[in-house]
Amino acid sequence: DGFFGSKIGDGGENKSHFNGLMGMLERREIDLAVTGLLLTQERVQVADFGGHVHYGTTKCAILRPGNKSNIYAYFLPFKVVSKSAIITFLLFIKGLHNIA
């Protein structure tokens, strides 16, 4: 189902169970799950967690607007559609301000 595993159910007579990978482990459909799961108290009750196998970093890259020094530099990374939406929104807000 594309999930790592969240607790489902109310915990009453209908015992709480997991969906996703944790649910598959709980139902014994799989023997091992290798992924970047966060350790939670509920998940520890269902499965044994091994040590860290891989340490990684996450990086994010955005388009750099360049060395242009002007008032529009903040808008340069946006596509034309986004720029149009921002301008339309600003004009709409200005029109509301003029009405009031």
N, C-alpha and C. Protein backbone atom coordinates (compact mmCIF):
# COMPACT_ATOMS: atom_id res chain seq x y z
N ASP A 1 0.81 -1.20 0.00
CA ASP A 1 0.00 0.00 0.00
C ASP A 1 0.85 1.26 0.00
N GLY A 2 2.16 1.12 -0.09
CA GLY A 2 3.04 2.27 -0.21
C GLY A 2 3.37 2.97 1.09
N PHE A 3 3.03 2.40 2.24
CA PHE A 3 3.30 3.03 3.52
C PHE A 3 4.40 2.28 4.27
N PHE A 4 5.11 2.98 5.13
CA PHE A 4 6.10 2.34 5.99
C PHE A 4 5.40 1.60 7.12
N GLY A 5 4.34 2.14 7.62
CA GLY A 5 3.58 1.47 8.67
C GLY A 5 3.06 2.43 9.72
N SER A 6 1.75 2.60 9.74
CA SER A 6 1.08 3.40 10.74
C SER A 6 0.09 2.50 11.46
N LYS A 7 -0.12 2.77 12.74
CA LYS A 7 -1.05 1.98 13.53
C LYS A 7 -2.47 2.28 13.08
N ILE A 8 -3.25 1.23 12.85
CA ILE A 8 -4.66 1.38 12.48
C ILE A 8 -5.50 0.57 13.46
N GLY A 9 -6.71 0.96 13.68
CA GLY A 9 -7.57 0.29 14.65
C GLY A 9 -7.64 1.08 15.93
N ASP A 10 -8.61 0.71 16.79
CA ASP A 10 -8.83 1.48 18.00
C ASP A 10 -8.12 0.92 19.23
N GLY A 11 -7.52 -0.25 19.13
CA GLY A 11 -6.82 -0.83 20.26
C GLY A 11 -7.73 -1.54 21.22
N GLY A 12 -9.05 -1.53 20.98
CA GLY A 12 -10.01 -2.22 21.85
C GLY A 12 -10.09 -3.69 21.48
N GLU A 13 -11.35 -4.17 21.32
CA GLU A 13 -11.54 -5.56 20.93
C GLU A 13 -10.92 -5.82 19.57
N ASN A 14 -11.08 -4.84 18.68
CA ASN A 14 -10.41 -4.93 17.38
C ASN A 14 -9.00 -4.42 17.58
N LYS A 15 -8.09 -5.34 17.85
CA LYS A 15 -6.72 -4.96 18.18
C LYS A 15 -6.16 -4.00 17.14
N SER A 16 -5.26 -3.15 17.61
CA SER A 16 -4.57 -2.25 16.70
C SER A 16 -3.61 -3.06 15.84
N HIS A 17 -3.56 -2.72 14.59
CA HIS A 17 -2.64 -3.36 13.66
C HIS A 17 -1.96 -2.27 12.86
N PHE A 18 -1.02 -2.66 12.05
CA PHE A 18 -0.29 -1.71 11.22
C PHE A 18 -0.65 -1.92 9.76
N ASN A 19 -0.50 -0.86 8.98
CA ASN A 19 -0.55 -0.98 7.53
C ASN A 19 0.88 -0.99 7.02
N GLY A 20 1.07 -1.01 5.74
CA GLY A 20 2.40 -0.89 5.14
C GLY A 20 3.36 -2.01 5.49
N LEU A 21 4.64 -1.68 5.46
CA LEU A 21 5.68 -2.67 5.73
C LEU A 21 5.57 -3.28 7.13
N MET A 22 5.24 -2.44 8.12
CA MET A 22 5.11 -2.96 9.48
C MET A 22 3.94 -3.94 9.57
N GLY A 23 2.86 -3.69 8.84
CA GLY A 23 1.73 -4.61 8.80
C GLY A 23 2.12 -5.92 8.14
N MET A 24 2.91 -5.85 7.09
CA MET A 24 3.37 -7.06 6.42
C MET A 24 4.26 -7.89 7.34
N LEU A 25 5.11 -7.22 8.11
CA LEU A 25 5.92 -7.94 9.10
C LEU A 25 5.03 -8.55 10.18
N GLU A 26 4.06 -7.78 10.66
CA GLU A 26 3.15 -8.24 11.71
C GLU A 26 2.35 -9.46 11.27
N ARG A 27 1.91 -9.47 10.00
CA ARG A 27 1.13 -10.59 9.46
C ARG A 27 2.02 -11.71 8.96
N ARG A 28 3.34 -11.53 9.08
CA ARG A 28 4.34 -12.51 8.64
C ARG A 28 4.27 -12.78 7.13
N GLU A 29 3.91 -11.75 6.37
CA GLU A 29 3.92 -11.85 4.91
C GLU A 29 5.34 -11.69 4.39
N ILE A 30 6.17 -10.97 5.14
CA ILE A 30 7.59 -10.81 4.79
C ILE A 30 8.42 -11.08 6.04
N ASP A 31 9.67 -11.41 5.84
CA ASP A 31 10.56 -11.70 6.97
C ASP A 31 11.46 -10.52 7.30
N LEU A 32 11.66 -9.62 6.35
CA LEU A 32 12.64 -8.55 6.51
C LEU A 32 12.19 -7.33 5.74
N ALA A 33 12.37 -6.16 6.33
CA ALA A 33 12.10 -4.90 5.64
C ALA A 33 13.35 -4.05 5.74
N VAL A 34 13.89 -3.68 4.61
CA VAL A 34 15.10 -2.86 4.58
C VAL A 34 14.71 -1.51 3.99
N THR A 35 14.62 -0.51 4.85
CA THR A 35 14.24 0.83 4.42
C THR A 35 14.58 1.82 5.51
N GLY A 36 14.34 3.08 5.27
CA GLY A 36 14.63 4.11 6.25
C GLY A 36 13.46 4.34 7.19
N LEU A 37 13.12 3.37 8.02
CA LEU A 37 12.02 3.51 8.98
C LEU A 37 12.46 4.29 10.20
N LEU A 38 11.58 5.13 10.69
CA LEU A 38 11.83 5.79 11.97
C LEU A 38 11.43 4.85 13.09
N LEU A 39 12.20 4.82 14.12
CA LEU A 39 11.93 3.97 15.26
C LEU A 39 10.88 4.62 16.15
N THR A 40 9.74 3.92 16.34
CA THR A 40 8.71 4.43 17.24
C THR A 40 8.40 3.35 18.26
N GLN A 41 7.78 3.75 19.37
CA GLN A 41 7.44 2.80 20.43
C GLN A 41 6.50 1.71 19.90
N GLU A 42 5.52 2.09 19.06
CA GLU A 42 4.58 1.11 18.52
C GLU A 42 5.28 0.13 17.59
N ARG A 43 6.19 0.60 16.77
CA ARG A 43 6.88 -0.28 15.82
C ARG A 43 7.82 -1.25 16.52
N VAL A 44 8.40 -0.83 17.64
CA VAL A 44 9.30 -1.71 18.39
C VAL A 44 8.54 -2.91 18.95
N GLN A 45 7.24 -2.75 19.22
CA GLN A 45 6.43 -3.85 19.74
C GLN A 45 6.16 -4.91 18.68
N VAL A 46 6.31 -4.55 17.40
CA VAL A 46 6.01 -5.47 16.31
C VAL A 46 7.27 -6.11 15.74
N ALA A 47 8.35 -5.37 15.67
CA ALA A 47 9.54 -5.86 14.97
C ALA A 47 10.81 -5.53 15.75
N ASP A 48 11.85 -6.32 15.48
CA ASP A 48 13.18 -6.04 16.02
C ASP A 48 13.90 -5.15 15.03
N PHE A 49 14.50 -4.10 15.55
CA PHE A 49 15.24 -3.17 14.70
C PHE A 49 16.72 -3.41 14.89
N GLY A 50 17.44 -3.53 13.78
CA GLY A 50 18.89 -3.68 13.84
C GLY A 50 19.56 -2.33 13.94
N GLY A 51 20.87 -2.35 13.94
CA GLY A 51 21.62 -1.10 14.01
C GLY A 51 21.61 -0.38 12.68
N HIS A 52 22.24 0.78 12.68
CA HIS A 52 22.32 1.57 11.46
C HIS A 52 23.23 0.87 10.46
N VAL A 53 22.77 0.77 9.23
CA VAL A 53 23.55 0.14 8.19
C VAL A 53 24.12 1.20 7.25
N HIS A 54 23.37 2.25 7.03
CA HIS A 54 23.78 3.28 6.07
C HIS A 54 23.50 4.66 6.65
N TYR A 55 24.47 5.51 6.57
CA TYR A 55 24.29 6.91 6.92
C TYR A 55 24.32 7.71 5.63
N GLY A 56 23.36 8.54 5.44
CA GLY A 56 23.32 9.33 4.21
C GLY A 56 22.93 10.76 4.49
N THR A 57 23.08 11.58 3.51
CA THR A 57 22.69 12.97 3.63
C THR A 57 21.69 13.28 2.52
N THR A 58 20.87 14.25 2.76
CA THR A 58 19.92 14.71 1.76
C THR A 58 20.30 16.13 1.37
N LYS A 59 20.31 16.36 0.09
CA LYS A 59 20.67 17.69 -0.40
C LYS A 59 19.55 18.21 -1.27
N CYS A 60 19.42 19.51 -1.29
CA CYS A 60 18.40 20.17 -2.08
C CYS A 60 19.07 21.20 -2.96
N ALA A 61 18.67 21.24 -4.22
CA ALA A 61 19.25 22.23 -5.14
C ALA A 61 18.12 23.05 -5.75
N ILE A 62 18.34 24.35 -5.86
CA ILE A 62 17.38 25.22 -6.52
C ILE A 62 18.11 26.04 -7.57
N LEU A 63 17.37 26.54 -8.51
CA LEU A 63 17.94 27.34 -9.58
C LEU A 63 18.46 28.65 -9.00
N ARG A 64 19.70 28.97 -9.30
CA ARG A 64 20.30 30.20 -8.81
C ARG A 64 19.99 31.34 -9.79
N PRO A 65 19.48 32.45 -9.29
CA PRO A 65 19.07 33.51 -10.20
C PRO A 65 20.23 34.24 -10.87
N GLY A 66 21.44 34.04 -10.44
CA GLY A 66 22.59 34.70 -11.05
C GLY A 66 23.01 35.91 -10.26
N ASN A 67 23.81 36.74 -10.87
CA ASN A 67 24.36 37.91 -10.19
C ASN A 67 23.58 39.18 -10.47
N LYS A 68 22.40 39.07 -10.98
CA LYS A 68 21.60 40.25 -11.27
C LYS A 68 21.13 40.86 -9.96
N SER A 69 21.35 42.14 -9.85
CA SER A 69 20.93 42.84 -8.64
C SER A 69 19.79 43.77 -8.99
N ASN A 70 18.59 43.23 -8.89
CA ASN A 70 17.42 44.07 -9.13
C ASN A 70 16.26 43.58 -8.27
N ILE A 71 15.22 44.34 -8.28
CA ILE A 71 14.08 44.04 -7.42
C ILE A 71 13.37 42.75 -7.83
N TYR A 72 13.50 42.34 -9.08
CA TYR A 72 12.82 41.16 -9.58
C TYR A 72 13.63 39.87 -9.40
N ALA A 73 14.78 39.93 -8.76
CA ALA A 73 15.64 38.76 -8.60
C ALA A 73 14.94 37.61 -7.88
N TYR A 74 14.02 37.92 -6.97
CA TYR A 74 13.30 36.86 -6.26
C TYR A 74 12.35 36.10 -7.16
N PHE A 75 11.92 36.69 -8.25
CA PHE A 75 10.97 36.05 -9.15
C PHE A 75 11.64 35.27 -10.28
N LEU A 76 12.92 35.45 -10.49
CA LEU A 76 13.60 34.83 -11.62
C LEU A 76 13.54 33.29 -11.62
N PRO A 77 13.65 32.60 -10.48
CA PRO A 77 13.58 31.13 -10.53
C PRO A 77 12.21 30.58 -10.89
N PHE A 78 11.13 31.38 -10.78
CA PHE A 78 9.78 30.90 -11.05
C PHE A 78 9.50 30.82 -12.54
N LYS A 79 8.63 29.89 -12.91
CA LYS A 79 8.20 29.76 -14.30
C LYS A 79 7.19 30.87 -14.61
N VAL A 80 6.90 31.06 -15.89
CA VAL A 80 6.01 32.13 -16.34
C VAL A 80 4.63 32.00 -15.70
N VAL A 81 4.12 30.78 -15.58
CA VAL A 81 2.79 30.57 -15.00
C VAL A 81 2.78 31.03 -13.54
N SER A 82 3.83 30.70 -12.80
CA SER A 82 3.91 31.11 -11.40
C SER A 82 4.01 32.63 -11.29
N LYS A 83 4.82 33.24 -12.13
CA LYS A 83 4.94 34.69 -12.12
C LYS A 83 3.60 35.35 -12.41
N SER A 84 2.86 34.82 -13.40
CA SER A 84 1.55 35.37 -13.74
C SER A 84 0.59 35.25 -12.57
N ALA A 85 0.61 34.12 -11.88
CA ALA A 85 -0.28 33.92 -10.73
C ALA A 85 0.04 34.90 -9.61
N ILE A 86 1.32 35.14 -9.36
CA ILE A 86 1.73 36.07 -8.32
C ILE A 86 1.29 37.50 -8.67
N ILE A 87 1.52 37.91 -9.90
CA ILE A 87 1.13 39.25 -10.34
C ILE A 87 -0.38 39.43 -10.26
N THR A 88 -1.14 38.41 -10.71
CA THR A 88 -2.60 38.47 -10.65
C THR A 88 -3.07 38.59 -9.21
N PHE A 89 -2.47 37.82 -8.31
CA PHE A 89 -2.83 37.87 -6.90
C PHE A 89 -2.54 39.26 -6.31
N LEU A 90 -1.38 39.82 -6.62
CA LEU A 90 -1.03 41.15 -6.11
C LEU A 90 -1.99 42.22 -6.62
N LEU A 91 -2.36 42.14 -7.91
CA LEU A 91 -3.31 43.10 -8.47
C LEU A 91 -4.69 42.94 -7.82
N PHE A 92 -5.08 41.70 -7.55
CA PHE A 92 -6.36 41.45 -6.89
C PHE A 92 -6.37 42.04 -5.50
N ILE A 93 -5.31 41.85 -4.75
CA ILE A 93 -5.20 42.41 -3.40
C ILE A 93 -5.23 43.94 -3.45
N LYS A 94 -4.51 44.52 -4.44
CA LYS A 94 -4.51 45.98 -4.56
C LYS A 94 -5.92 46.49 -4.88
N GLY A 95 -6.65 45.75 -5.73
CA GLY A 95 -8.02 46.14 -6.06
C GLY A 95 -8.93 46.07 -4.84
N LEU A 96 -8.74 45.06 -4.00
CA LEU A 96 -9.54 44.97 -2.77
C LEU A 96 -9.22 46.13 -1.84
N HIS A 97 -7.98 46.50 -1.80
CA HIS A 97 -7.55 47.61 -0.92
C HIS A 97 -8.16 48.93 -1.40
N ASN A 98 -8.23 49.11 -2.72
CA ASN A 98 -8.81 50.36 -3.27
C ASN A 98 -10.33 50.43 -3.03
N ILE A 99 -10.99 49.27 -2.98
CA ILE A 99 -12.42 49.25 -2.74
C ILE A 99 -12.73 49.65 -1.31
N ALA A 100 -11.91 49.14 -0.39
CA ALA A 100 -12.16 49.41 1.05
C ALA A 100 -11.78 50.83 1.33
